[in-house]
C-alpha atoms as a PDB file:
ATOM      1  CA  UNK A   1     113.320 108.777 107.281  1.00  0.00           C
ATOM      2  CA  UNK A   2     109.897 109.175 105.802  1.00  0.00           C
ATOM      3  CA  UNK A   3     108.694 110.055 102.393  1.00  0.00           C
ATOM      4  CA  UNK A   4     105.060 110.792 102.945  1.00  0.00           C
ATOM      5  CA  UNK A   5     103.936 111.382 106.403  1.00  0.00           C
ATOM      6  CA  UNK A   6     102.834 114.950 106.508  1.00  0.00           C
ATOM      7  CA  UNK A   7     100.185 117.335 107.443  1.00  0.00           C
ATOM      8  CA  UNK A   8      99.421 119.224 104.293  1.00  0.00           C
ATOM      9  CA  UNK A   9      98.246 122.770 104.642  1.00  0.00           C
ATOM     10  CA  UNK A  10      96.857 125.261 102.213  1.00  0.00           C
ATOM     11  CA  UNK A  11      97.312 128.940 101.505  1.00  0.00           C
ATOM     12  CA  UNK A  12      94.296 129.780 103.659  1.00  0.00           C
ATOM     13  CA  UNK A  13      95.565 127.776 106.620  1.00  0.00           C
ATOM     14  CA  UNK A  14      99.316 128.366 106.706  1.00  0.00           C
ATOM     15  CA  UNK A  15     101.394 125.494 108.119  1.00  0.00           C
ATOM     16  CA  UNK A  16     103.731 125.785 111.069  1.00  0.00           C
ATOM     17  CA  UNK A  17     106.985 124.925 109.357  1.00  0.00           C
ATOM     18  CA  UNK A  18     109.694 122.950 111.145  1.00  0.00           C
ATOM     19  CA  UNK A  19     113.170 124.408 111.366  1.00  0.00           C
ATOM     20  CA  UNK A  20     115.900 122.860 109.233  1.00  0.00           C
ATOM     21  CA  UNK A  21     118.199 120.468 111.096  1.00  0.00           C
ATOM     22  CA  UNK A  22     121.073 118.156 110.225  1.00  0.00           C
ATOM     23  CA  UNK A  23     120.025 115.103 108.247  1.00  0.00           C
ATOM     24  CA  UNK A  24     120.220 111.613 109.745  1.00  0.00           C
ATOM     25  CA  UNK A  25     121.819 108.730 107.876  1.00  0.00           C
ATOM     26  CA  UNK A  26     119.369 107.056 105.504  1.00  0.00           C
ATOM     27  CA  UNK A  27     120.111 103.309 105.229  1.00  0.00           C
ATOM     28  CA  UNK A  28     120.604 102.227 101.621  1.00  0.00           C
ATOM     29  CA  UNK A  29     120.000 105.734 100.278  1.00  0.00           C
ATOM     30  CA  UNK A  30     120.767 105.987  96.575  1.00  0.00           C
ATOM     31  CA  UNK A  31     120.789 109.048  94.347  1.00  0.00           C
ATOM     32  CA  UNK A  32     119.089 108.695  90.985  1.00  0.00           C
ATOM     33  CA  UNK A  33     115.904 109.034  88.986  1.00  0.00           C
ATOM     34  CA  UNK A  34     113.009 106.769  89.949  1.00  0.00           C
ATOM     35  CA  UNK A  35     109.758 106.120  88.106  1.00  0.00           C
ATOM     36  CA  UNK A  36     106.628 105.419  90.135  1.00  0.00           C
ATOM     37  CA  UNK A  37     105.427 101.821  89.756  1.00  0.00           C
ATOM     38  CA  UNK A  38     101.678 102.329  89.434  1.00  0.00           C
ATOM     39  CA  UNK A  39     100.918  98.646  90.008  1.00  0.00           C
ATOM     40  CA  UNK A  40     102.480  98.816  93.475  1.00  0.00           C
ATOM     41  CA  UNK A  41     101.524 102.347  94.498  1.00  0.00           C
ATOM     42  CA  UNK A  42      98.356 103.827  95.938  1.00  0.00           C
ATOM     43  CA  UNK A  43      96.952 107.291  96.570  1.00  0.00           C
ATOM     44  CA  UNK A  44      93.998 107.150  98.944  1.00  0.00           C
ATOM     45  CA  UNK A  45      91.810 109.559 100.894  1.00  0.00           C
ATOM     46  CA  UNK A  46      89.460 109.622 103.869  1.00  0.00           C
ATOM     47  CA  UNK A  47      86.669 112.129 104.484  1.00  0.00           C
ATOM     48  CA  UNK A  48      84.099 112.401 107.253  1.00  0.00           C
ATOM     49  CA  UNK A  49      80.520 111.675 106.124  1.00  0.00           C
ATOM     50  CA  UNK A  50      77.318 112.877 107.809  1.00  0.00           C
ATOM     51  CA  UNK A  51      79.530 114.044 110.709  1.00  0.00           C
ATOM     52  CA  UNK A  52      79.446 110.539 112.196  1.00  0.00           C
ATOM     53  CA  UNK A  53      81.475 108.189 109.987  1.00  0.00           C
ATOM     54  CA  UNK A  54      84.205 108.111 107.350  1.00  0.00           C
ATOM     55  CA  UNK A  55      84.282 107.259 103.664  1.00  0.00           C
ATOM     56  CA  UNK A  56      87.513 105.941 102.179  1.00  0.00           C
ATOM     57  CA  UNK A  57      88.531 105.937  98.542  1.00  0.00           C
ATOM     58  CA  UNK A  58      91.515 105.654  96.259  1.00  0.00           C
ATOM     59  CA  UNK A  59      92.813 106.626  92.845  1.00  0.00           C
ATOM     60  CA  UNK A  60      93.822 103.669  90.707  1.00  0.00           C
ATOM     61  CA  UNK A  61      96.090 105.505  88.260  1.00  0.00           C
ATOM     62  CA  UNK A  62      99.168 107.384  89.444  1.00  0.00           C
ATOM     63  CA  UNK A  63     102.346 108.169  87.521  1.00  0.00           C
ATOM     64  CA  UNK A  64     105.397 110.289  88.137  1.00  0.00           C
ATOM     65  CA  UNK A  65     109.076 110.638  88.869  1.00  0.00           C
ATOM     66  CA  UNK A  66     111.217 110.988  91.969  1.00  0.00           C
ATOM     67  CA  UNK A  67     114.731 112.402  91.735  1.00  0.00           C
ATOM     68  CA  UNK A  68     116.912 111.652  94.760  1.00  0.00           C
ATOM     69  CA  UNK A  69     119.995 113.876  94.965  1.00  0.00           C
ATOM     70  CA  UNK A  70     123.310 113.326  96.734  1.00  0.00           C
ATOM     71  CA  UNK A  71     121.963 115.828  99.257  1.00  0.00           C
ATOM     72  CA  UNK A  72     118.471 114.466 100.013  1.00  0.00           C
ATOM     73  CA  UNK A  73     117.200 118.000 100.609  1.00  0.00           C
ATOM     74  CA  UNK A  74     117.690 118.700  96.908  1.00  0.00           C
ATOM     75  CA  UNK A  75     115.457 115.783  95.885  1.00  0.00           C
ATOM     76  CA  UNK A  76     112.202 116.338  94.010  1.00  0.00           C
ATOM     77  CA  UNK A  77     108.896 114.662  93.243  1.00  0.00           C
ATOM     78  CA  UNK A  78     106.380 115.071  90.436  1.00  0.00           C
ATOM     79  CA  UNK A  79     103.196 113.001  90.396  1.00  0.00           C
ATOM     80  CA  UNK A  80     100.065 112.922  88.256  1.00  0.00           C
ATOM     81  CA  UNK A  81      96.803 111.243  89.242  1.00  0.00           C
ATOM     82  CA  UNK A  82      94.006 110.360  86.812  1.00  0.00           C
ATOM     83  CA  UNK A  83      90.861 111.680  88.489  1.00  0.00           C
ATOM     84  CA  UNK A  84      88.523 109.358  86.597  1.00  0.00           C
ATOM     85  CA  UNK A  85      90.262 106.444  88.342  1.00  0.00           C
ATOM     86  CA  UNK A  86      88.672 107.384  91.679  1.00  0.00           C
ATOM     87  CA  UNK A  87      86.836 104.610  93.481  1.00  0.00           C
ATOM     88  CA  UNK A  88      85.073 104.398  96.825  1.00  0.00           C
ATOM     89  CA  UNK A  89      83.756 100.941  95.888  1.00  0.00           C
ATOM     90  CA  UNK A  90      80.280 102.344  95.288  1.00  0.00           C
ATOM     91  CA  UNK A  91      79.373 103.035  91.647  1.00  0.00           C
ATOM     92  CA  UNK A  92      76.742 105.705  92.311  1.00  0.00           C
ATOM     93  CA  UNK A  93      79.005 107.616  94.683  1.00  0.00           C
ATOM     94  CA  UNK A  94      81.961 107.333  92.317  1.00  0.00           C
ATOM     95  CA  UNK A  95      79.883 108.766  89.463  1.00  0.00           C
ATOM     96  CA  UNK A  96      78.918 111.681  91.725  1.00  0.00           C
ATOM     97  CA  UNK A  97      82.570 112.325  92.587  1.00  0.00           C
ATOM     98  CA  UNK A  98      83.394 112.548  88.887  1.00  0.00           C
ATOM     99  CA  UNK A  99      80.772 115.206  88.121  1.00  0.00           C
ATOM    100  CA  UNK A 100      80.831 118.987  88.629  1.00  0.00           C
ATOM    101  CA  UNK A 101      79.860 118.776  92.321  1.00  0.00           C
ATOM    102  CA  UNK A 102      83.300 117.365  93.045  1.00  0.00           C
ATOM    103  CA  UNK A 103      86.149 116.632  90.607  1.00  0.00           C
ATOM    104  CA  UNK A 104      84.552 117.540  87.237  1.00  0.00           C
ATOM    105  CA  UNK A 105      86.847 115.052  85.542  1.00  0.00           C
ATOM    106  CA  UNK A 106      85.871 115.841  81.946  1.00  0.00           C
ATOM    107  CA  UNK A 107      87.196 119.381  82.333  1.00  0.00           C
ATOM    108  CA  UNK A 108      89.978 118.525  84.801  1.00  0.00           C
ATOM    109  CA  UNK A 109      91.179 114.979  84.107  1.00  0.00           C
ATOM    110  CA  UNK A 110      94.297 115.054  86.291  1.00  0.00           C
ATOM    111  CA  UNK A 111      95.569 116.183  89.669  1.00  0.00           C
ATOM    112  CA  UNK A 112      99.284 116.994  89.928  1.00  0.00           C
ATOM    113  CA  UNK A 113     101.796 117.495  92.707  1.00  0.00           C
ATOM    114  CA  UNK A 114     105.213 119.118  92.255  1.00  0.00           C
ATOM    115  CA  UNK A 115     107.616 119.430  95.149  1.00  0.00           C
ATOM    116  CA  UNK A 116     109.658 122.580  95.791  1.00  0.00           C
ATOM    117  CA  UNK A 117     111.767 121.862  98.874  1.00  0.00           C
ATOM    118  CA  UNK A 118     112.505 119.021 101.279  1.00  0.00           C
ATOM    119  CA  UNK A 119     113.139 119.776 104.952  1.00  0.00           C
ATOM    120  CA  UNK A 120     114.064 117.817 108.067  1.00  0.00           C
ATOM    121  CA  UNK A 121     112.704 118.948 111.445  1.00  0.00           C
ATOM    122  CA  UNK A 122     114.737 116.633 113.669  1.00  0.00           C
ATOM    123  CA  UNK A 123     112.169 113.861 113.562  1.00  0.00           C
ATOM    124  CA  UNK A 124     110.556 113.729 110.140  1.00  0.00           C
ATOM    125  CA  UNK A 125     110.992 114.999 106.617  1.00  0.00           C
ATOM    126  CA  UNK A 126     108.567 117.545 105.212  1.00  0.00           C
ATOM    127  CA  UNK A 127     108.045 117.966 101.489  1.00  0.00           C
ATOM    128  CA  UNK A 128     106.806 121.387 100.436  1.00  0.00           C
ATOM    129  CA  UNK A 129     105.163 121.605  97.043  1.00  0.00           C
ATOM    130  CA  UNK A 130     102.173 122.642  94.985  1.00  0.00           C
ATOM    131  CA  UNK A 131      99.019 120.634  94.364  1.00  0.00           C
ATOM    132  CA  UNK A 132      96.856 121.393  91.332  1.00  0.00           C
ATOM    133  CA  UNK A 133      93.249 120.179  91.453  1.00  0.00           C
ATOM    134  CA  UNK A 134      90.343 121.406  89.289  1.00  0.00           C
ATOM    135  CA  UNK A 135      92.644 124.021  87.772  1.00  0.00           C
ATOM    136  CA  UNK A 136      93.522 125.522  91.171  1.00  0.00           C
ATOM    137  CA  UNK A 137      97.101 125.405  92.477  1.00  0.00           C
ATOM    138  CA  UNK A 138      97.809 125.688  96.200  1.00  0.00           C
ATOM    139  CA  UNK A 139     100.855 125.044  98.400  1.00  0.00           C
ATOM    140  CA  UNK A 140     100.712 121.720 100.226  1.00  0.00           C
ATOM    141  CA  UNK A 141     103.281 120.316 102.656  1.00  0.00           C
ATOM    142  CA  UNK A 142     103.627 116.582 103.262  1.00  0.00           C
ATOM    143  CA  UNK A 143     105.483 114.876 106.071  1.00  0.00           C
ATOM    144  CA  UNK A 144     107.425 112.003 104.626  1.00  0.00           C
ATOM    145  CA  UNK A 145     108.587 108.516 105.424  1.00  0.00           C
ATOM    146  CA  UNK A 146     111.178 106.640 103.397  1.00  0.00           C
ATOM    147  CA  UNK A 147     110.404 102.952 103.676  1.00  0.00           C
ATOM    148  CA  UNK A 148     113.702 101.809 102.180  1.00  0.00           C
ATOM    149  CA  UNK A 149     115.941 101.217  99.171  1.00  0.00           C
ATOM    150  CA  UNK A 150     116.985  97.828  97.849  1.00  0.00           C
ATOM    151  CA  UNK A 151     117.252  95.302  95.016  1.00  0.00           C
ATOM    152  CA  UNK A 152     114.144  93.720  93.532  1.00  0.00           C
ATOM    153  CA  UNK A 153     113.624  90.208  92.183  1.00  0.00           C
ATOM    154  CA  UNK A 154     114.284  91.243  88.579  1.00  0.00           C
ATOM    155  CA  UNK A 155     117.772  92.721  88.762  1.00  0.00           C
ATOM    156  CA  UNK A 156     116.584  96.253  89.401  1.00  0.00           C
ATOM    157  CA  UNK A 157     116.531  98.597  92.371  1.00  0.00           C
ATOM    158  CA  UNK A 158     113.431  99.891  94.131  1.00  0.00           C
ATOM    159  CA  UNK A 159     112.569 102.483  96.730  1.00  0.00           C
ATOM    160  CA  UNK A 160     109.507 102.777  98.927  1.00  0.00           C
ATOM    161  CA  UNK A 161     107.919 105.922 100.315  1.00  0.00           C
ATOM    162  CA  UNK A 162     104.778 106.750 102.241  1.00  0.00           C
ATOM    163  CA  UNK A 163     103.106 109.961 103.396  1.00  0.00           C
ATOM    164  CA  UNK A 164     100.011 111.520 104.876  1.00  0.00           C
ATOM    165  CA  UNK A 165      98.532 114.975 104.607  1.00  0.00           C
ATOM    166  CA  UNK A 166      95.354 116.992 104.818  1.00  0.00           C
ATOM    167  CA  UNK A 167      93.744 119.514 102.474  1.00  0.00           C
ATOM    168  CA  UNK A 168      90.608 121.625 102.522  1.00  0.00           C
ATOM    169  CA  UNK A 169      88.644 120.680  99.402  1.00  0.00           C
ATOM    170  CA  UNK A 170      87.086 124.149  99.121  1.00  0.00           C
ATOM    171  CA  UNK A 171      90.536 125.650  98.581  1.00  0.00           C
ATOM    172  CA  UNK A 172      90.513 123.771  95.267  1.00  0.00           C
ATOM    173  CA  UNK A 173      87.007 124.691  94.171  1.00  0.00           C
ATOM    174  CA  UNK A 174      85.385 121.461  95.358  1.00  0.00           C
ATOM    175  CA  UNK A 175      82.411 123.284  96.865  1.00  0.00           C
ATOM    176  CA  UNK A 176      79.691 120.638  97.285  1.00  0.00           C
ATOM    177  CA  UNK A 177      77.682 122.062 100.193  1.00  0.00           C
ATOM    178  CA  UNK A 178      74.858 119.677 101.133  1.00  0.00           C
ATOM    179  CA  UNK A 179      73.883 120.207 104.778  1.00  0.00           C
ATOM    180  CA  UNK A 180      72.315 118.166 107.541  1.00  0.00           C
ATOM    181  CA  UNK A 181      69.255 119.433 109.405  1.00  0.00           C
ATOM    182  CA  UNK A 182      71.613 120.275 112.256  1.00  0.00           C
ATOM    183  CA  UNK A 183      73.630 122.485 109.912  1.00  0.00           C
ATOM    184  CA  UNK A 184      76.616 120.155 109.644  1.00  0.00           C
ATOM    185  CA  UNK A 185      78.140 119.152 106.331  1.00  0.00           C
ATOM    186  CA  UNK A 186      77.169 115.915 104.602  1.00  0.00           C
ATOM    187  CA  UNK A 187      80.763 115.759 103.308  1.00  0.00           C
ATOM    188  CA  UNK A 188      83.488 117.357 105.432  1.00  0.00           C
ATOM    189  CA  UNK A 189      85.691 120.097 103.998  1.00  0.00           C
ATOM    190  CA  UNK A 190      88.801 118.392 105.401  1.00  0.00           C
ATOM    191  CA  UNK A 191      90.226 115.500 103.397  1.00  0.00           C
ATOM    192  CA  UNK A 192      92.997 113.263 104.755  1.00  0.00           C
ATOM    193  CA  UNK A 193      95.477 111.926 102.209  1.00  0.00           C
ATOM    194  CA  UNK A 194      97.595 108.777 102.311  1.00  0.00           C
ATOM    195  CA  UNK A 195     100.261 107.962  99.741  1.00  0.00           C
ATOM    196  CA  UNK A 196     102.130 104.675  99.474  1.00  0.00           C
ATOM    197  CA  UNK A 197     104.636 104.742  96.642  1.00  0.00           C
ATOM    198  CA  UNK A 198     106.993 102.181  95.147  1.00  0.00           C
ATOM    199  CA  UNK A 199     109.448 103.451  92.542  1.00  0.00           C
ATOM    200  CA  UNK A 200     111.967 101.819  90.198  1.00  0.00           C
ATOM    201  CA  UNK A 201     115.466 103.198  89.613  1.00  0.00           C
ATOM    202  CA  UNK A 202     116.122 104.119  85.992  1.00  0.00           C
ATOM    203  CA  UNK A 203     119.364 103.004  84.371  1.00  0.00           C
END
């Protein structure tokens, strides 16, 4: 099973939703409340640059909670990302991302995701939820992968999840529109997301 391996779609580009099917067995699955371990989790993104290459970045601060239910389809996720923690490993570019052309972090310091439903399409899980960025909330679906559940080295229990998705930045008011002489975008509208999450079971 997967926690985050999904194509995320927005209200302006409606997803083709998989039909609900019987759930497979999930080895080691455990119901409970899990807190995201920020030190061992990462939210990253990739965007095409100048129409010929890709720029990759990440957010260094993520927090949140995952609730796994006895019926996995009733599970939920809430996550908050500190936008000022963005890094593409280039100080000038990171400063540009933080200003009004992109994230406008002083006015909108966080990005949040709240799940609504979890579905299984016979192959993968899809998490339907709402993403809020720059004060704009849009539906986003993520296809999920559950990496596993198990004991850690400190007497606790951990779970691992990963996922991918895609959003259109303009749907969230990120409207930077610099153009090439050929008319193409300097920064693509489409942004690919990758989430790798480790969470700790709460007593």
